[in-house]
Amino acid sequence: EVQPFLPKGLEIIPTYDRSDLILKAIDTLQETLLEEIIIISLICVIFLFHFRSALVAIITLPIAILLSFIFMRFLGLSSNIMSLGGIAIAIGDLVDSAVVMIENAHTKLNEQGATQDRRQIIIEAAQEVGRPLFFSLLIITVSFLPVFTLEAQEGRLFKPLAFTKTFSMLFASLLSITLVPLLMVWLVRGRITPIDKNPISHFFIAVYRLIALFALRFRWFVV
């Protein structure tokens, strides 16, 4: 656009273009998001034998990221390498609360499924782990706050990452006590397979029991 207005013989030659790096960062973020969705789906199917439960985490994950982008826009933060990196780092933590809530709901439904209303059981399961999950995510959120004290070049470099990581974790903690319980009421339906009847879970529980017994018996050796 500028070239036609330059004096004859003067030419602009770009030597550094960050757009390629940013597009690669966006691709990395998309790949990480897709990988996380696939892993969560496999975990819920393999260990819980219930695909619809995976939808709770799958729906929650992109919503937390989208809310982060809204606040990025509000604060004037661009989608650069560091800001997208903050979201990519946070993705692994965003679904933790949903997975824990889903597993607890399945456990409660197996224990009380025949004696109580399904909706009430899920709500009680969410209430049981909701507070510790909320504060555990908040602790992760607060852990990045010292980055905001960086100044000059370091501050300009790392603050976008800290902002997006903080936003993502903050919204994930809020969604864990609002949207996740609602989605569980809607989606955790049908036949719930007891954990003790799942051969994969049974195998890992048996392995863990052996390791735990060994550690308790030979405690000084383990320490």
Protein backbone atom coordinates (compact mmCIF):
# COMPACT_ATOMS: atom_id res chain seq x y z
CA GLU A 1 0.00 0.00 0.00
CA VAL A 2 2.87 2.40 0.74
CA GLN A 3 5.01 1.44 -2.25
CA PRO A 4 3.20 3.62 -4.90
CA PHE A 5 3.78 6.77 -2.82
CA LEU A 6 7.54 6.25 -2.40
CA PRO A 7 10.13 8.10 -4.53
CA LYS A 8 11.27 6.31 -7.67
CA GLY A 9 13.91 3.68 -6.94
CA LEU A 10 12.98 3.33 -3.26
CA GLU A 11 11.60 -0.08 -2.35
CA ILE A 12 10.29 -1.59 0.89
CA ILE A 13 11.56 -5.11 1.56
CA PRO A 14 10.06 -6.84 4.64
CA THR A 15 12.78 -8.48 6.70
CA TYR A 16 10.71 -9.61 9.71
CA ASP A 17 7.06 -10.69 9.57
CA ARG A 18 5.51 -11.96 12.80
CA SER A 19 2.25 -13.02 11.15
CA ASP A 20 3.72 -16.41 10.17
CA LEU A 21 4.76 -17.09 13.78
CA ILE A 22 1.35 -16.05 15.09
CA LEU A 23 -0.46 -18.27 12.58
CA LYS A 24 1.75 -21.18 13.69
CA ALA A 25 0.90 -20.36 17.32
CA ILE A 26 -2.81 -20.44 16.45
CA ASP A 27 -2.32 -23.82 14.75
CA THR A 28 -0.54 -25.10 17.87
CA LEU A 29 -3.40 -23.89 20.05
CA GLN A 30 -5.95 -25.62 17.81
CA GLU A 31 -3.95 -28.85 17.84
CA THR A 32 -3.61 -28.74 21.63
CA LEU A 33 -7.35 -28.14 22.01
CA LEU A 34 -8.18 -31.03 19.66
CA GLU A 35 -5.74 -33.36 21.42
CA GLU A 36 -7.22 -32.48 24.80
CA ILE A 37 -10.75 -33.14 23.55
CA ILE A 38 -9.70 -36.54 22.16
CA ILE A 39 -7.90 -37.51 25.37
CA ILE A 40 -10.83 -36.49 27.58
CA SER A 41 -13.24 -38.43 25.36
CA LEU A 42 -11.06 -41.55 25.55
CA ILE A 43 -10.69 -41.28 29.33
CA CYS A 44 -14.45 -41.01 29.86
CA VAL A 45 -15.19 -43.84 27.43
CA ILE A 46 -12.45 -46.19 28.71
CA PHE A 47 -12.79 -45.59 32.44
CA LEU A 48 -16.49 -44.67 32.73
CA PHE A 49 -17.99 -46.42 29.66
CA HIS A 50 -20.06 -43.27 29.08
CA PHE A 51 -19.43 -40.99 26.08
CA ARG A 52 -22.02 -38.33 26.97
CA SER A 53 -20.11 -37.60 30.16
CA ALA A 54 -17.16 -36.58 28.00
CA LEU A 55 -19.36 -33.92 26.38
CA VAL A 56 -19.44 -32.04 29.69
CA ALA A 57 -15.69 -31.41 29.54
CA ILE A 58 -15.66 -31.02 25.75
CA ILE A 59 -18.26 -28.22 25.90
CA THR A 60 -16.69 -26.48 28.91
CA LEU A 61 -13.17 -26.29 27.45
CA PRO A 62 -13.81 -24.05 24.39
CA ILE A 63 -16.25 -21.86 26.35
CA ALA A 64 -13.55 -21.00 28.91
CA ILE A 65 -11.16 -20.15 26.06
CA LEU A 66 -13.76 -18.04 24.24
CA LEU A 67 -14.48 -16.07 27.42
CA SER A 68 -10.74 -15.43 27.72
CA PHE A 69 -10.67 -13.99 24.20
CA ILE A 70 -13.56 -11.65 25.10
CA PHE A 71 -11.53 -10.20 27.98
CA MET A 72 -8.44 -10.01 25.77
CA ARG A 73 -10.44 -7.89 23.37
CA PHE A 74 -11.76 -5.75 26.24
CA LEU A 75 -8.23 -5.08 27.54
CA GLY A 76 -6.74 -4.56 24.09
CA LEU A 77 -4.51 -7.66 24.21
CA SER A 78 -3.61 -8.99 20.78
CA SER A 79 -3.42 -12.65 19.79
CA ASN A 80 0.35 -12.84 19.79
CA ILE A 81 2.68 -15.75 20.47
CA MET A 82 2.83 -15.19 24.24
CA SER A 83 -0.90 -14.61 24.79
CA LEU A 84 -1.81 -17.72 22.81
CA GLY A 85 0.91 -19.60 24.69
CA GLY A 86 -0.80 -18.73 27.97
CA ILE A 87 -4.02 -20.32 26.76
CA ALA A 88 -2.16 -23.38 25.46
CA ILE A 89 -0.49 -23.83 28.87
CA ALA A 90 -3.84 -23.51 30.66
CA ILE A 91 -5.71 -26.04 28.50
CA GLY A 92 -4.36 -28.98 30.49
CA ASP A 93 -5.79 -27.53 33.72
CA LEU A 94 -9.12 -26.31 32.35
CA VAL A 95 -10.83 -29.71 32.25
CA ASP A 96 -9.57 -31.05 35.59
CA SER A 97 -12.60 -29.87 37.55
CA ALA A 98 -15.07 -31.23 35.01
CA VAL A 99 -13.43 -34.67 35.03
CA VAL A 100 -13.39 -34.83 38.84
CA MET A 101 -17.05 -33.77 39.03
CA ILE A 102 -18.09 -36.31 36.40
CA GLU A 103 -16.28 -39.15 38.16
CA ASN A 104 -17.80 -38.19 41.52
CA ALA A 105 -21.28 -38.06 39.98
CA HIS A 106 -20.79 -41.55 38.51
CA THR A 107 -19.65 -42.85 41.91
CA LYS A 108 -22.68 -41.36 43.68
CA LEU A 109 -25.08 -42.68 41.03
CA ASN A 110 -23.63 -46.17 41.49
CA GLU A 111 -23.99 -45.92 45.26
CA GLN A 112 -27.47 -44.36 45.46
CA GLY A 113 -28.90 -44.66 41.96
CA ALA A 114 -31.80 -46.89 42.94
CA THR A 115 -32.79 -45.00 46.08
CA GLN A 116 -32.75 -41.33 45.05
CA ASP A 117 -33.66 -38.99 42.20
CA ARG A 118 -30.88 -38.89 39.59
CA ARG A 119 -30.91 -35.10 39.35
CA GLN A 120 -30.62 -34.70 43.11
CA ILE A 121 -27.73 -37.18 43.27
CA ILE A 122 -25.79 -35.26 40.60
CA ILE A 123 -26.41 -31.93 42.35
CA GLU A 124 -25.21 -33.35 45.68
CA ALA A 125 -22.13 -34.84 43.97
CA ALA A 126 -21.32 -31.44 42.45
CA GLN A 127 -21.80 -29.70 45.79
CA GLU A 128 -19.51 -32.20 47.49
CA VAL A 129 -16.48 -31.42 45.31
CA GLY A 130 -17.47 -27.99 43.96
CA ARG A 131 -15.84 -25.85 46.64
CA PRO A 132 -12.43 -27.60 46.73
CA LEU A 133 -12.32 -27.67 42.92
CA PHE A 134 -13.17 -23.97 42.69
CA PHE A 135 -10.46 -22.96 45.14
CA SER A 136 -7.87 -25.34 43.68
CA LEU A 137 -8.30 -23.65 40.29
CA LEU A 138 -8.16 -20.24 41.96
CA ILE A 139 -4.85 -21.19 43.56
CA ILE A 140 -3.44 -21.99 40.11
CA THR A 141 -4.83 -18.65 38.91
CA VAL A 142 -3.23 -16.69 41.75
CA SER A 143 0.13 -18.41 41.20
CA PHE A 144 0.64 -16.39 38.02
CA LEU A 145 -0.10 -13.00 39.60
CA PRO A 146 3.58 -12.26 40.45
CA VAL A 147 4.27 -12.11 36.70
CA PHE A 148 2.29 -8.85 36.64
CA THR A 149 4.97 -7.20 38.78
CA LEU A 150 7.52 -7.55 35.97
CA GLU A 151 8.45 -4.27 34.35
CA ALA A 152 10.08 -2.92 31.19
CA GLN A 153 10.95 -5.49 28.52
CA GLU A 154 10.25 -8.53 30.75
CA GLY A 155 6.80 -7.18 31.59
CA ARG A 156 5.90 -6.53 27.97
CA LEU A 157 7.06 -10.03 27.08
CA PHE A 158 5.40 -12.12 29.80
CA LYS A 159 2.32 -10.13 30.86
CA PRO A 160 0.20 -11.24 27.85
CA LEU A 161 0.91 -14.87 28.79
CA ALA A 162 0.01 -14.21 32.43
CA PHE A 163 -3.19 -12.39 31.43
CA THR A 164 -4.50 -15.17 29.20
CA LYS A 165 -3.46 -17.93 31.60
CA THR A 166 -5.19 -16.07 34.45
CA PHE A 167 -8.35 -15.42 32.43
CA SER A 168 -8.58 -19.04 31.30
CA MET A 169 -8.18 -20.45 34.81
CA LEU A 170 -10.55 -17.87 36.31
CA PHE A 171 -13.32 -18.69 33.85
CA ALA A 172 -12.67 -22.42 34.24
CA SER A 173 -13.12 -22.08 38.02
CA LEU A 174 -16.40 -20.17 37.53
CA LEU A 175 -17.68 -22.66 34.95
CA SER A 176 -16.82 -25.56 37.28
CA ILE A 177 -19.49 -24.43 39.77
CA THR A 178 -22.06 -23.13 37.26
CA LEU A 179 -22.07 -24.72 33.80
CA VAL A 180 -20.50 -28.10 34.64
CA PRO A 181 -23.20 -29.17 37.16
CA LEU A 182 -25.90 -28.07 34.70
CA LEU A 183 -24.36 -30.05 31.84
CA MET A 184 -24.04 -33.10 34.10
CA VAL A 185 -27.77 -32.98 34.87
CA TRP A 186 -28.49 -32.86 31.14
CA LEU A 187 -25.91 -35.34 29.85
CA VAL A 188 -25.09 -37.88 32.59
CA ARG A 189 -27.98 -40.22 31.81
CA GLY A 190 -28.61 -43.81 30.91
CA ARG A 191 -26.72 -46.82 32.22
CA ILE A 192 -23.85 -46.00 34.56
CA THR A 193 -21.31 -48.82 34.74
CA PRO A 194 -19.97 -49.41 38.29
CA ILE A 195 -16.23 -48.87 38.61
CA ASP A 196 -15.69 -52.33 40.07
CA LYS A 197 -17.21 -53.87 36.92
CA ASN A 198 -14.90 -51.95 34.61
CA PRO A 199 -11.95 -54.29 33.87
CA ILE A 200 -9.57 -51.40 33.11
CA SER A 201 -10.41 -49.51 36.31
CA HIS A 202 -10.29 -52.77 38.25
CA PHE A 203 -6.78 -53.47 36.92
CA PHE A 204 -5.41 -50.03 37.81
CA ILE A 205 -7.02 -50.11 41.26
CA ALA A 206 -5.38 -53.48 41.90
CA VAL A 207 -1.99 -52.16 40.76
CA TYR A 208 -2.39 -49.06 42.91
CA ARG A 209 -3.35 -51.18 45.92
CA LEU A 210 -0.13 -53.21 45.57
CA ILE A 211 1.98 -50.05 45.28
CA ALA A 212 0.23 -48.45 48.27
CA LEU A 213 0.68 -51.57 50.43
CA PHE A 214 4.36 -51.79 49.47
CA ALA A 215 4.91 -48.11 50.30
CA LEU A 216 3.19 -48.45 53.68
CA ARG A 217 5.05 -51.63 54.60
CA PHE A 218 8.49 -50.37 53.57
CA ARG A 219 7.96 -46.74 54.43
CA TRP A 220 11.60 -45.93 55.29
CA PHE A 221 12.82 -47.50 52.06
CA VAL A 222 10.27 -45.47 50.07
CA VAL A 223 11.25 -42.21 51.84
